[in-house]
Amino acid sequence: MANFPLLNSGSAAQYPFRRSIKRNVMRISFVDGTEQRSATSGELHEWTLPLVLLQEQELSNLLAFFEQQEGEAGTYSFTDPATGIQYPNCSFAISNVDVTVSAPGQASTLLIIRENPA
């Protein structure tokens, strides 16, 4: 399985990034219009990574990895930058990567990575 590429700093992210924990919820709708909801398979993590001042090689590596994973379709291993815990079943939660180049060697983008249910 592929691993998310690291930046030149050796980390997968830059600060500030956002990490959220979501719960899978099963929803059952009844004929009378009421609903019953219950948690299913525990917690799932999601990371929002704003990346700025990327050098050309860093950006190239990230874009190539996105293409290799076929965007949201692929799965790979991602190490949480805050805890160091590796999550082996992750995907991109975005369908394309938007890049802004402000100067040579100064690109920025936003990546969203989600942990998939087992």
PDB file of N, CA and C in Angstrom:
ATOM      1  N   MET A   1       0.843  -1.178   0.000  1.00  0.00           N
ATOM      2  CA  MET A   1       0.000   0.000   0.000  1.00  0.00           C
ATOM      3  C   MET A   1       0.888   1.241   0.000  1.00  0.00           C
ATOM      4  N   ALA A   2       0.414   2.258  -0.667  1.00  0.00           N
ATOM      5  CA  ALA A   2       1.159   3.510  -0.793  1.00  0.00           C
ATOM      6  C   ALA A   2       1.100   4.314   0.511  1.00  0.00           C
ATOM      7  N   ASN A   3       2.112   5.132   0.713  1.00  0.00           N
ATOM      8  CA  ASN A   3       2.161   6.058   1.845  1.00  0.00           C
ATOM      9  C   ASN A   3       2.052   7.488   1.324  1.00  0.00           C
ATOM     10  N   PHE A   4       1.331   8.331   2.057  1.00  0.00           N
ATOM     11  CA  PHE A   4       1.211   9.735   1.696  1.00  0.00           C
ATOM     12  C   PHE A   4       2.612  10.357   1.676  1.00  0.00           C
ATOM     13  N   PRO A   5       2.950  11.127   0.636  1.00  0.00           N
ATOM     14  CA  PRO A   5       4.304  11.691   0.544  1.00  0.00           C
ATOM     15  C   PRO A   5       4.564  12.775   1.596  1.00  0.00           C
ATOM     16  N   LEU A   6       5.793  12.830   2.034  1.00  0.00           N
ATOM     17  CA  LEU A   6       6.197  13.823   3.031  1.00  0.00           C
ATOM     18  C   LEU A   6       6.728  15.075   2.341  1.00  0.00           C
ATOM     19  N   LEU A   7       6.631  16.183   3.035  1.00  0.00           N
ATOM     20  CA  LEU A   7       7.209  17.431   2.554  1.00  0.00           C
ATOM     21  C   LEU A   7       8.710  17.415   2.813  1.00  0.00           C
ATOM     22  N   ASN A   8       9.424  18.418   2.336  1.00  0.00           N
ATOM     23  CA  ASN A   8      10.872  18.488   2.563  1.00  0.00           C
ATOM     24  C   ASN A   8      11.224  18.542   4.042  1.00  0.00           C
ATOM     25  N   SER A   9      10.294  19.007   4.864  1.00  0.00           N
ATOM     26  CA  SER A   9      10.527  19.082   6.311  1.00  0.00           C
ATOM     27  C   SER A   9      10.472  17.719   6.983  1.00  0.00           C
ATOM     28  N   GLY A  10       9.988  16.691   6.254  1.00  0.00           N
ATOM     29  CA  GLY A  10       9.843  15.359   6.832  1.00  0.00           C
ATOM     30  C   GLY A  10       8.469  15.120   7.427  1.00  0.00           C
ATOM     31  N   SER A  11       7.597  16.095   7.353  1.00  0.00           N
ATOM     32  CA  SER A  11       6.234  15.985   7.873  1.00  0.00           C
ATOM     33  C   SER A  11       5.252  15.885   6.698  1.00  0.00           C
ATOM     34  N   ALA A  12       4.052  15.404   7.005  1.00  0.00           N
ATOM     35  CA  ALA A  12       3.010  15.319   5.985  1.00  0.00           C
ATOM     36  C   ALA A  12       2.189  16.595   5.913  1.00  0.00           C
ATOM     37  N   ALA A  13       2.386  17.507   6.865  1.00  0.00           N
ATOM     38  CA  ALA A  13       1.528  18.698   6.933  1.00  0.00           C
ATOM     39  C   ALA A  13       2.317  19.897   7.432  1.00  0.00           C
ATOM     40  N   GLN A  14       1.701  21.045   7.295  1.00  0.00           N
ATOM     41  CA  GLN A  14       2.217  22.287   7.870  1.00  0.00           C
ATOM     42  C   GLN A  14       1.200  22.777   8.890  1.00  0.00           C
ATOM     43  N   TYR A  15       1.672  23.490   9.868  1.00  0.00           N
ATOM     44  CA  TYR A  15       0.743  24.082  10.835  1.00  0.00           C
ATOM     45  C   TYR A  15       0.240  25.408  10.300  1.00  0.00           C
ATOM     46  N   PRO A  16      -0.986  25.801  10.522  1.00  0.00           N
ATOM     47  CA  PRO A  16      -2.012  25.047  11.232  1.00  0.00           C
ATOM     48  C   PRO A  16      -2.754  24.109  10.293  1.00  0.00           C
ATOM     49  N   PHE A  17      -3.043  22.921  10.752  1.00  0.00           N
ATOM     50  CA  PHE A  17      -3.915  22.009  10.028  1.00  0.00           C
ATOM     51  C   PHE A  17      -5.066  21.660  10.960  1.00  0.00           C
ATOM     52  N   ARG A  18      -6.118  21.107  10.398  1.00  0.00           N
ATOM     53  CA  ARG A  18      -7.275  20.774  11.223  1.00  0.00           C
ATOM     54  C   ARG A  18      -7.507  19.267  11.170  1.00  0.00           C
ATOM     55  N   ARG A  19      -7.719  18.705  12.330  1.00  0.00           N
ATOM     56  CA  ARG A  19      -8.039  17.285  12.438  1.00  0.00           C
ATOM     57  C   ARG A  19      -9.402  17.179  13.107  1.00  0.00           C
ATOM     58  N   SER A  20     -10.304  16.419  12.507  1.00  0.00           N
ATOM     59  CA  SER A  20     -11.614  16.230  13.117  1.00  0.00           C
ATOM     60  C   SER A  20     -11.919  14.747  13.216  1.00  0.00           C
ATOM     61  N   ILE A  21     -12.772  14.414  14.148  1.00  0.00           N
ATOM     62  CA  ILE A  21     -13.186  13.036  14.351  1.00  0.00           C
ATOM     63  C   ILE A  21     -14.678  12.968  14.089  1.00  0.00           C
ATOM     64  N   LYS A  22     -15.048  12.059  13.228  1.00  0.00           N
ATOM     65  CA  LYS A  22     -16.454  11.895  12.863  1.00  0.00           C
ATOM     66  C   LYS A  22     -16.899  10.494  13.244  1.00  0.00           C
ATOM     67  N   ARG A  23     -18.172  10.358  13.470  1.00  0.00           N
ATOM     68  CA  ARG A  23     -18.739   9.049  13.779  1.00  0.00           C
ATOM     69  C   ARG A  23     -19.652   8.612  12.643  1.00  0.00           C
ATOM     70  N   ASN A  24     -19.564   7.344  12.298  1.00  0.00           N
ATOM     71  CA  ASN A  24     -20.512   6.788  11.338  1.00  0.00           C
ATOM     72  C   ASN A  24     -21.840   6.595  12.044  1.00  0.00           C
ATOM     73  N   VAL A  25     -22.894   7.021  11.408  1.00  0.00           N
ATOM     74  CA  VAL A  25     -24.222   6.919  12.002  1.00  0.00           C
ATOM     75  C   VAL A  25     -25.148   6.199  11.035  1.00  0.00           C
ATOM     76  N   MET A  26     -25.866   5.206  11.559  1.00  0.00           N
ATOM     77  CA  MET A  26     -26.875   4.522  10.777  1.00  0.00           C
ATOM     78  C   MET A  26     -28.216   5.183  11.079  1.00  0.00           C
ATOM     79  N   ARG A  27     -28.949   5.527  10.036  1.00  0.00           N
ATOM     80  CA  ARG A  27     -30.238   6.188  10.213  1.00  0.00           C
ATOM     81  C   ARG A  27     -31.330   5.308   9.642  1.00  0.00           C
ATOM     82  N   ILE A  28     -32.341   5.053  10.449  1.00  0.00           N
ATOM     83  CA  ILE A  28     -33.491   4.268  10.013  1.00  0.00           C
ATOM     84  C   ILE A  28     -34.701   5.191  10.041  1.00  0.00           C
ATOM     85  N   SER A  29     -35.373   5.317   8.911  1.00  0.00           N
ATOM     86  CA  SER A  29     -36.578   6.137   8.821  1.00  0.00           C
ATOM     87  C   SER A  29     -37.792   5.220   8.865  1.00  0.00           C
ATOM     88  N   PHE A  30     -38.758   5.570   9.689  1.00  0.00           N
ATOM     89  CA  PHE A  30     -39.965   4.776   9.834  1.00  0.00           C
ATOM     90  C   PHE A  30     -41.094   5.377   9.008  1.00  0.00           C
ATOM     91  N   VAL A  31     -42.132   4.578   8.771  1.00  0.00           N
ATOM     92  CA  VAL A  31     -43.266   4.983   7.951  1.00  0.00           C
ATOM     93  C   VAL A  31     -43.943   6.234   8.518  1.00  0.00           C
ATOM     94  N   ASP A  32     -43.972   6.368   9.852  1.00  0.00           N
ATOM     95  CA  ASP A  32     -44.653   7.522  10.455  1.00  0.00           C
ATOM     96  C   ASP A  32     -43.811   8.797  10.403  1.00  0.00           C
ATOM     97  N   GLY A  33     -42.632   8.754   9.770  1.00  0.00           N
ATOM     98  CA  GLY A  33     -41.800   9.940   9.621  1.00  0.00           C
ATOM     99  C   GLY A  33     -40.738  10.104  10.695  1.00  0.00           C
ATOM    100  N   THR A  34     -40.768   9.291  11.729  1.00  0.00           N
ATOM    101  CA  THR A  34     -39.749   9.393  12.772  1.00  0.00           C
ATOM    102  C   THR A  34     -38.484   8.678  12.320  1.00  0.00           C
ATOM    103  N   GLU A  35     -37.394   8.969  13.012  1.00  0.00           N
ATOM    104  CA  GLU A  35     -36.109   8.366  12.687  1.00  0.00           C
ATOM    105  C   GLU A  35     -35.450   7.805  13.928  1.00  0.00           C
ATOM    106  N   GLN A  36     -34.637   6.807  13.711  1.00  0.00           N
ATOM    107  CA  GLN A  36     -33.795   6.278  14.776  1.00  0.00           C
ATOM    108  C   GLN A  36     -32.367   6.299  14.248  1.00  0.00           C
ATOM    109  N   ARG A  37     -31.460   6.828  15.046  1.00  0.00           N
ATOM    110  CA  ARG A  37     -30.049   6.909  14.651  1.00  0.00           C
ATOM    111  C   ARG A  37     -29.194   6.206  15.688  1.00  0.00           C
ATOM    112  N   SER A  38     -28.171   5.525  15.198  1.00  0.00           N
ATOM    113  CA  SER A  38     -27.238   4.877  16.120  1.00  0.00           C
ATOM    114  C   SER A  38     -25.846   4.860  15.504  1.00  0.00           C
ATOM    115  N   ALA A  39     -24.858   4.980  16.367  1.00  0.00           N
ATOM    116  CA  ALA A  39     -23.466   4.938  15.919  1.00  0.00           C
ATOM    117  C   ALA A  39     -23.146   3.521  15.462  1.00  0.00           C
ATOM    118  N   THR A  40     -22.326   3.416  14.403  1.00  0.00           N
ATOM    119  CA  THR A  40     -21.992   2.094  13.899  1.00  0.00           C
ATOM    120  C   THR A  40     -20.550   1.710  14.209  1.00  0.00           C
ATOM    121  N   SER A  41     -19.631   2.059  13.379  1.00  0.00           N
ATOM    122  CA  SER A  41     -18.280   1.493  13.480  1.00  0.00           C
ATOM    123  C   SER A  41     -17.246   2.414  14.110  1.00  0.00           C
ATOM    124  N   GLY A  42     -17.576   3.111  15.143  1.00  0.00           N
ATOM    125  CA  GLY A  42     -16.584   3.917  15.836  1.00  0.00           C
ATOM    126  C   GLY A  42     -16.265   5.233  15.149  1.00  0.00           C
ATOM    127  N   GLU A  43     -15.063   5.709  15.405  1.00  0.00           N
ATOM    128  CA  GLU A  43     -14.656   7.037  14.953  1.00  0.00           C
ATOM    129  C   GLU A  43     -13.864   6.964  13.654  1.00  0.00           C
ATOM    130  N   LEU A  44     -14.064   7.977  12.834  1.00  0.00           N
ATOM    131  CA  LEU A  44     -13.276   8.133  11.617  1.00  0.00           C
ATOM    132  C   LEU A  44     -12.642   9.511  11.648  1.00  0.00           C
ATOM    133  N   HIS A  45     -11.399   9.605  11.227  1.00  0.00           N
ATOM    134  CA  HIS A  45     -10.650  10.864  11.271  1.00  0.00           C
ATOM    135  C   HIS A  45     -10.657  11.536   9.909  1.00  0.00           C
ATOM    136  N   GLU A  46     -10.541  12.859   9.947  1.00  0.00           N
ATOM    137  CA  GLU A  46     -10.402  13.644   8.724  1.00  0.00           C
ATOM    138  C   GLU A  46      -9.408  14.764   8.990  1.00  0.00           C
ATOM    139  N   TRP A  47      -8.525  15.007   8.024  1.00  0.00           N
ATOM    140  CA  TRP A  47      -7.498  16.035   8.157  1.00  0.00           C
ATOM    141  C   TRP A  47      -7.649  17.044   7.021  1.00  0.00           C
ATOM    142  N   THR A  48      -7.648  18.320   7.365  1.00  0.00           N
ATOM    143  CA  THR A  48      -7.648  19.401   6.384  1.00  0.00           C
ATOM    144  C   THR A  48      -6.262  20.035   6.430  1.00  0.00           C
ATOM    145  N   LEU A  49      -5.550  19.936   5.313  1.00  0.00           N
ATOM    146  CA  LEU A  49      -4.153  20.360   5.256  1.00  0.00           C
ATOM    147  C   LEU A  49      -3.977  21.540   4.308  1.00  0.00           C
ATOM    148  N   PRO A  50      -3.958  22.769   4.831  1.00  0.00           N
ATOM    149  CA  PRO A  50      -3.600  23.898   3.972  1.00  0.00           C
ATOM    150  C   PRO A  50      -2.073  23.921   3.832  1.00  0.00           C
ATOM    151  N   LEU A  51      -1.595  23.825   2.625  1.00  0.00           N
ATOM    152  CA  LEU A  51      -0.148  23.780   2.373  1.00  0.00           C
ATOM    153  C   LEU A  51       0.253  25.036   1.623  1.00  0.00           C
ATOM    154  N   VAL A  52       1.216  25.775   2.166  1.00  0.00           N
ATOM    155  CA  VAL A  52       1.653  27.038   1.571  1.00  0.00           C
ATOM    156  C   VAL A  52       3.169  27.032   1.383  1.00  0.00           C
ATOM    157  N   LEU A  53       3.639  27.913   0.521  1.00  0.00           N
ATOM    158  CA  LEU A  53       5.064  28.061   0.225  1.00  0.00           C
ATOM    159  C   LEU A  53       5.716  26.733  -0.157  1.00  0.00           C
ATOM    160  N   LEU A  54       4.959  25.944  -0.929  1.00  0.00           N
ATOM    161  CA  LEU A  54       5.499  24.666  -1.387  1.00  0.00           C
ATOM    162  C   LEU A  54       6.538  24.899  -2.474  1.00  0.00           C
ATOM    163  N   GLN A  55       7.620  24.166  -2.386  1.00  0.00           N
ATOM    164  CA  GLN A  55       8.618  24.226  -3.443  1.00  0.00           C
ATOM    165  C   GLN A  55       8.134  23.362  -4.608  1.00  0.00           C
ATOM    166  N   GLU A  56       8.713  23.578  -5.756  1.00  0.00           N
ATOM    167  CA  GLU A  56       8.262  22.903  -6.968  1.00  0.00           C
ATOM    168  C   GLU A  56       8.272  21.377  -6.828  1.00  0.00           C
ATOM    169  N   GLN A  57       9.301  20.813  -6.227  1.00  0.00           N
ATOM    170  CA  GLN A  57       9.397  19.358  -6.079  1.00  0.00           C
ATOM    171  C   GLN A  57       8.336  18.820  -5.121  1.00  0.00           C
ATOM    172  N   GLU A  58       8.070  19.551  -4.033  1.00  0.00           N
ATOM    173  CA  GLU A  58       7.027  19.133  -3.086  1.00  0.00           C
ATOM    174  C   GLU A  58       5.664  19.095  -3.779  1.00  0.00           C
ATOM    175  N   LEU A  59       5.359  20.147  -4.515  1.00  0.00           N
ATOM    176  CA  LEU A  59       4.088  20.219  -5.226  1.00  0.00           C
ATOM    177  C   LEU A  59       3.995  19.114  -6.267  1.00  0.00           C
ATOM    178  N   SER A  60       5.060  18.898  -6.992  1.00  0.00           N
ATOM    179  CA  SER A  60       5.087  17.854  -8.009  1.00  0.00           C
ATOM    180  C   SER A  60       4.829  16.483  -7.388  1.00  0.00           C
ATOM    181  N   ASN A  61       5.454  16.198  -6.249  1.00  0.00           N
ATOM    182  CA  ASN A  61       5.249  14.919  -5.553  1.00  0.00           C
ATOM    183  C   ASN A  61       3.796  14.741  -5.121  1.00  0.00           C
ATOM    184  N   LEU A  62       3.206  15.795  -4.567  1.00  0.00           N
ATOM    185  CA  LEU A  62       1.814  15.722  -4.110  1.00  0.00           C
ATOM    186  C   LEU A  62       0.852  15.513  -5.279  1.00  0.00           C
ATOM    187  N   LEU A  63       1.052  16.254  -6.367  1.00  0.00           N
ATOM    188  CA  LEU A  63       0.177  16.117  -7.531  1.00  0.00           C
ATOM    189  C   LEU A  63       0.315  14.740  -8.176  1.00  0.00           C
ATOM    190  N   ALA A  64       1.541  14.238  -8.257  1.00  0.00           N
ATOM    191  CA  ALA A  64       1.761  12.896  -8.817  1.00  0.00           C
ATOM    192  C   ALA A  64       1.098  11.838  -7.944  1.00  0.00           C
ATOM    193  N   PHE A  65       1.185  11.996  -6.629  1.00  0.00           N
ATOM    194  CA  PHE A  65       0.550  11.046  -5.713  1.00  0.00           C
ATOM    195  C   PHE A  65      -0.967  11.082  -5.879  1.00  0.00           C
ATOM    196  N   PHE A  66      -1.540  12.275  -5.995  1.00  0.00           N
ATOM    197  CA  PHE A  66      -2.980  12.425  -6.200  1.00  0.00           C
ATOM    198  C   PHE A  66      -3.407  11.699  -7.474  1.00  0.00           C
ATOM    199  N   GLU A  67      -2.633  11.862  -8.542  1.00  0.00           N
ATOM    200  CA  GLU A  67      -2.947  11.193  -9.805  1.00  0.00           C
ATOM    201  C   GLU A  67      -2.792   9.683  -9.691  1.00  0.00           C
ATOM    202  N   GLN A  68      -1.754   9.220  -9.009  1.00  0.00           N
ATOM    203  CA  GLN A  68      -1.556   7.777  -8.820  1.00  0.00           C
ATOM    204  C   GLN A  68      -2.721   7.157  -8.053  1.00  0.00           C
ATOM    205  N   GLN A  69      -3.256   7.907  -7.117  1.00  0.00           N
ATOM    206  CA  GLN A  69      -4.384   7.418  -6.313  1.00  0.00           C
ATOM    207  C   GLN A  69      -5.718   7.582  -7.041  1.00  0.00           C
ATOM    208  N   GLU A  70      -5.685   8.196  -8.201  1.00  0.00           N
ATOM    209  CA  GLU A  70      -6.896   8.491  -8.968  1.00  0.00           C
ATOM    210  C   GLU A  70      -7.891   9.280  -8.125  1.00  0.00           C
ATOM    211  N   GLY A  71      -7.363  10.321  -7.492  1.00  0.00           N
ATOM    212  CA  GLY A  71      -8.192  11.205  -6.661  1.00  0.00           C
ATOM    213  C   GLY A  71      -8.799  10.480  -5.486  1.00  0.00           C
ATOM    214  N   GLU A  72     -10.109  10.531  -5.365  1.00  0.00           N
ATOM    215  CA  GLU A  72     -10.814   9.934  -4.237  1.00  0.00           C
ATOM    216  C   GLU A  72     -10.864   8.410  -4.290  1.00  0.00           C
ATOM    217  N   ALA A  73     -10.527   7.814  -5.421  1.00  0.00           N
ATOM    218  CA  ALA A  73     -10.693   6.373  -5.606  1.00  0.00           C
ATOM    219  C   ALA A  73      -9.648   5.542  -4.862  1.00  0.00           C
ATOM    220  N   GLY A  74      -8.446   6.061  -4.712  1.00  0.00           N
ATOM    221  CA  GLY A  74      -7.367   5.273  -4.136  1.00  0.00           C
ATOM    222  C   GLY A  74      -7.371   5.230  -2.614  1.00  0.00           C
ATOM    223  N   THR A  75      -6.657   4.277  -2.076  1.00  0.00           N
ATOM    224  CA  THR A  75      -6.454   4.204  -0.627  1.00  0.00           C
ATOM    225  C   THR A  75      -4.960   4.142  -0.346  1.00  0.00           C
ATOM    226  N   TYR A  76      -4.582   4.723   0.774  1.00  0.00           N
ATOM    227  CA  TYR A  76      -3.177   4.790   1.143  1.00  0.00           C
ATOM    228  C   TYR A  76      -3.058   4.954   2.652  1.00  0.00           C
ATOM    229  N   SER A  77      -1.851   4.911   3.116  1.00  0.00           N
ATOM    230  CA  SER A  77      -1.561   5.064   4.537  1.00  0.00           C
ATOM    231  C   SER A  77      -1.194   6.526   4.816  1.00  0.00           C
ATOM    232  N   PHE A  78      -1.753   7.074   5.894  1.00  0.00           N
ATOM    233  CA  PHE A  78      -1.476   8.463   6.271  1.00  0.00           C
ATOM    234  C   PHE A  78      -1.107   8.498   7.746  1.00  0.00           C
ATOM    235  N   THR A  79      -0.015   9.175   8.068  1.00  0.00           N
ATOM    236  CA  THR A  79       0.413   9.324   9.461  1.00  0.00           C
ATOM    237  C   THR A  79      -0.064  10.663   9.994  1.00  0.00           C
ATOM    238  N   ASP A  80      -0.849  10.619  11.064  1.00  0.00           N
ATOM    239  CA  ASP A  80      -1.385  11.838  11.679  1.00  0.00           C
ATOM    240  C   ASP A  80      -0.216  12.697  12.155  1.00  0.00           C
ATOM    241  N   PRO A  81      -0.092  13.924  11.641  1.00  0.00           N
ATOM    242  CA  PRO A  81       1.035  14.782  12.027  1.00  0.00           C
ATOM    243  C   PRO A  81       1.013  15.173  13.500  1.00  0.00           C
ATOM    244  N   ALA A  82      -0.149  15.151  14.135  1.00  0.00           N
ATOM    245  CA  ALA A  82      -0.244  15.554  15.543  1.00  0.00           C
ATOM    246  C   ALA A  82       0.121  14.425  16.494  1.00  0.00           C
ATOM    247  N   THR A  83      -0.232  13.192  16.137  1.00  0.00           N
ATOM    248  CA  THR A  83      -0.045  12.073  17.074  1.00  0.00           C
ATOM    249  C   THR A  83       1.014  11.074  16.630  1.00  0.00           C
ATOM    250  N   GLY A  84       1.340  11.057  15.339  1.00  0.00           N
ATOM    251  CA  GLY A  84       2.280  10.074  14.823  1.00  0.00           C
ATOM    252  C   GLY A  84       1.649   8.711  14.582  1.00  0.00           C
ATOM    253  N   ILE A  85       0.340   8.594  14.774  1.00  0.00           N
ATOM    254  CA  ILE A  85      -0.356   7.334  14.541  1.00  0.00           C
ATOM    255  C   ILE A  85      -0.601   7.174  13.052  1.00  0.00           C
ATOM    256  N   GLN A  86      -0.304   5.982  12.542  1.00  0.00           N
ATOM    257  CA  GLN A  86      -0.495   5.711  11.125  1.00  0.00           C
ATOM    258  C   GLN A  86      -1.880   5.094  10.903  1.00  0.00           C
ATOM    259  N   TYR A  87      -2.617   5.659   9.956  1.00  0.00           N
ATOM    260  CA  TYR A  87      -3.947   5.176   9.599  1.00  0.00           C
ATOM    261  C   TYR A  87      -3.829   4.529   8.216  1.00  0.00           C
ATOM    262  N   PRO A  88      -4.015   3.212   8.118  1.00  0.00           N
ATOM    263  CA  PRO A  88      -3.703   2.498   6.879  1.00  0.00           C
ATOM    264  C   PRO A  88      -4.757   2.560   5.782  1.00  0.00           C
ATOM    265  N   ASN A  89      -5.939   3.084   6.059  1.00  0.00           N
ATOM    266  CA  ASN A  89      -7.011   3.053   5.069  1.00  0.00           C
ATOM    267  C   ASN A  89      -7.584   4.460   4.875  1.00  0.00           C
ATOM    268  N   CYS A  90      -6.852   5.298   4.159  1.00  0.00           N
ATOM    269  CA  CYS A  90      -7.262   6.694   3.958  1.00  0.00           C
ATOM    270  C   CYS A  90      -7.427   6.994   2.467  1.00  0.00           C
ATOM    271  N   SER A  91      -8.197   8.040   2.179  1.00  0.00           N
ATOM    272  CA  SER A  91      -8.421   8.502   0.802  1.00  0.00           C
ATOM    273  C   SER A  91      -8.501  10.018   0.794  1.00  0.00           C
ATOM    274  N   PHE A  92      -8.360  10.589  -0.390  1.00  0.00           N
ATOM    275  CA  PHE A  92      -8.617  12.021  -0.533  1.00  0.00           C
ATOM    276  C   PHE A  92     -10.119  12.246  -0.452  1.00  0.00           C
ATOM    277  N   ALA A  93     -10.517  13.339   0.158  1.00  0.00           N
ATOM    278  CA  ALA A  93     -11.933  13.705   0.251  1.00  0.00           C
ATOM    279  C   ALA A  93     -12.236  14.846  -0.720  1.00  0.00           C
ATOM    280  N   ILE A  94     -11.404  14.998  -1.727  1.00  0.00           N
ATOM    281  CA  ILE A  94     -11.578  16.036  -2.753  1.00  0.00           C
ATOM    282  C   ILE A  94     -11.426  15.379  -4.116  1.00  0.00           C
ATOM    283  N   SER A  95     -12.108  15.930  -5.110  1.00  0.00           N
ATOM    284  CA  SER A  95     -12.050  15.327  -6.439  1.00  0.00           C
ATOM    285  C   SER A  95     -10.978  15.944  -7.336  1.00  0.00           C
ATOM    286  N   ASN A  96     -10.482  17.129  -6.964  1.00  0.00           N
ATOM    287  CA  ASN A  96      -9.384  17.738  -7.726  1.00  0.00           C
ATOM    288  C   ASN A  96      -8.557  18.617  -6.793  1.00  0.00           C
ATOM    289  N   VAL A  97      -7.353  18.924  -7.227  1.00  0.00           N
ATOM    290  CA  VAL A  97      -6.433  19.743  -6.444  1.00  0.00           C
ATOM    291  C   VAL A  97      -6.286  21.098  -7.128  1.00  0.00           C
ATOM    292  N   ASP A  98      -6.652  22.148  -6.407  1.00  0.00           N
ATOM    293  CA  ASP A  98      -6.466  23.510  -6.912  1.00  0.00           C
ATOM    294  C   ASP A  98      -5.145  24.047  -6.378  1.00  0.00           C
ATOM    295  N   VAL A  99      -4.336  24.593  -7.265  1.00  0.00           N
ATOM    296  CA  VAL A  99      -3.014  25.100  -6.899  1.00  0.00           C
ATOM    297  C   VAL A  99      -2.947  26.586  -7.229  1.00  0.00           C
ATOM    298  N   THR A 100      -2.395  27.374  -6.309  1.00  0.00           N
ATOM    299  CA  THR A 100      -2.142  28.788  -6.534  1.00  0.00           C
ATOM    300  C   THR A 100      -0.635  29.009  -6.481  1.00  0.00           C
ATOM    301  N   VAL A 101      -0.092  29.641  -7.510  1.00  0.00           N
ATOM    302  CA  VAL A 101       1.341  29.940  -7.544  1.00  0.00           C
ATOM    303  C   VAL A 101       1.494  31.450  -7.419  1.00  0.00           C
ATOM    304  N   SER A 102       2.114  31.881  -6.310  1.00  0.00           N
ATOM    305  CA  SER A 102       2.281  33.318  -6.076  1.00  0.00           C
ATOM    306  C   SER A 102       3.627  33.835  -6.574  1.00  0.00           C
ATOM    307  N   ALA A 103       4.606  32.948  -6.655  1.00  0.00           N
ATOM    308  CA  ALA A 103       5.945  33.285  -7.143  1.00  0.00           C
ATOM    309  C   ALA A 103       6.655  31.968  -7.439  1.00  0.00           C
ATOM    310  N   PRO A 104       7.741  32.000  -8.172  1.00  0.00           N
ATOM    311  CA  PRO A 104       8.467  30.750  -8.413  1.00  0.00           C
ATOM    312  C   PRO A 104       8.853  30.069  -7.094  1.00  0.00           C
ATOM    313  N   GLY A 105       8.515  28.811  -6.975  1.00  0.00           N
ATOM    314  CA  GLY A 105       8.836  28.072  -5.753  1.00  0.00           C
ATOM    315  C   GLY A 105       7.924  28.395  -4.592  1.00  0.00           C
ATOM    316  N   GLN A 106       6.799  29.054  -4.846  1.00  0.00           N
ATOM    317  CA  GLN A 106       5.863  29.401  -3.781  1.00  0.00           C
ATOM    318  C   GLN A 106       4.439  29.079  -4.209  1.00  0.00           C
ATOM    319  N   ALA A 107       4.088  27.811  -4.100  1.00  0.00           N
ATOM    320  CA  ALA A 107       2.752  27.358  -4.462  1.00  0.00           C
ATOM    321  C   ALA A 107       1.980  27.006  -3.195  1.00  0.00           C
ATOM    322  N   SER A 108       0.660  27.038  -3.301  1.00  0.00           N
ATOM    323  CA  SER A 108      -0.173  26.645  -2.164  1.00  0.00           C
ATOM    324  C   SER A 108      -1.355  25.827  -2.661  1.00  0.00           C
ATOM    325  N   THR A 109      -1.857  24.974  -1.794  1.00  0.00           N
ATOM    326  CA  THR A 109      -3.011  24.143  -2.114  1.00  0.00           C
ATOM    327  C   THR A 109      -3.678  23.709  -0.816  1.00  0.00           C
ATOM    328  N   LEU A 110      -4.816  23.077  -0.931  1.00  0.00           N
ATOM    329  CA  LEU A 110      -5.550  22.573   0.219  1.00  0.00           C
ATOM    330  C   LEU A 110      -5.909  21.124  -0.064  1.00  0.00           C
ATOM    331  N   LEU A 111      -5.498  20.223   0.823  1.00  0.00           N
ATOM    332  CA  LEU A 111      -5.823  18.808   0.690  1.00  0.00           C
ATOM    333  C   LEU A 111      -6.701  18.390   1.860  1.00  0.00           C
ATOM    334  N   ILE A 112      -7.662  17.525   1.589  1.00  0.00           N
ATOM    335  CA  ILE A 112      -8.499  16.956   2.646  1.00  0.00           C
ATOM    336  C   ILE A 112      -8.386  15.446   2.549  1.00  0.00           C
ATOM    337  N   ILE A 113      -8.021  14.837   3.652  1.00  0.00           N
ATOM    338  CA  ILE A 113      -7.796  13.394   3.716  1.00  0.00           C
ATOM    339  C   ILE A 113      -8.764  12.814   4.734  1.00  0.00           C
ATOM    340  N   ARG A 114      -9.370  11.687   4.380  1.00  0.00           N
ATOM    341  CA  ARG A 114     -10.308  11.052   5.315  1.00  0.00           C
ATOM    342  C   ARG A 114      -9.924   9.601   5.550  1.00  0.00           C
ATOM    343  N   GLU A 115     -10.200   9.142   6.736  1.00  0.00           N
ATOM    344  CA  GLU A 115     -10.035   7.732   7.073  1.00  0.00           C
ATOM    345  C   GLU A 115     -11.294   7.005   6.606  1.00  0.00           C
ATOM    346  N   ASN A 116     -11.130   5.883   5.945  1.00  0.00           N
ATOM    347  CA  ASN A 116     -12.273   5.124   5.449  1.00  0.00           C
ATOM    348  C   ASN A 116     -12.732   4.095   6.477  1.00  0.00           C
ATOM    349  N   PRO A 117     -14.021   3.764   6.476  1.00  0.00           N
ATOM    350  CA  PRO A 117     -14.493   2.710   7.384  1.00  0.00           C
ATOM    351  C   PRO A 117     -13.834   1.393   7.042  1.00  0.00           C
ATOM    352  N   ALA A 118     -13.611   0.589   8.036  1.00  0.00           N
ATOM    353  CA  ALA A 118     -12.962  -0.731   7.819  1.00  0.00           C
ATOM    354  C   ALA A 118     -13.859  -1.675   7.083  1.00  0.00           C
TER     355      ALA A 118
END
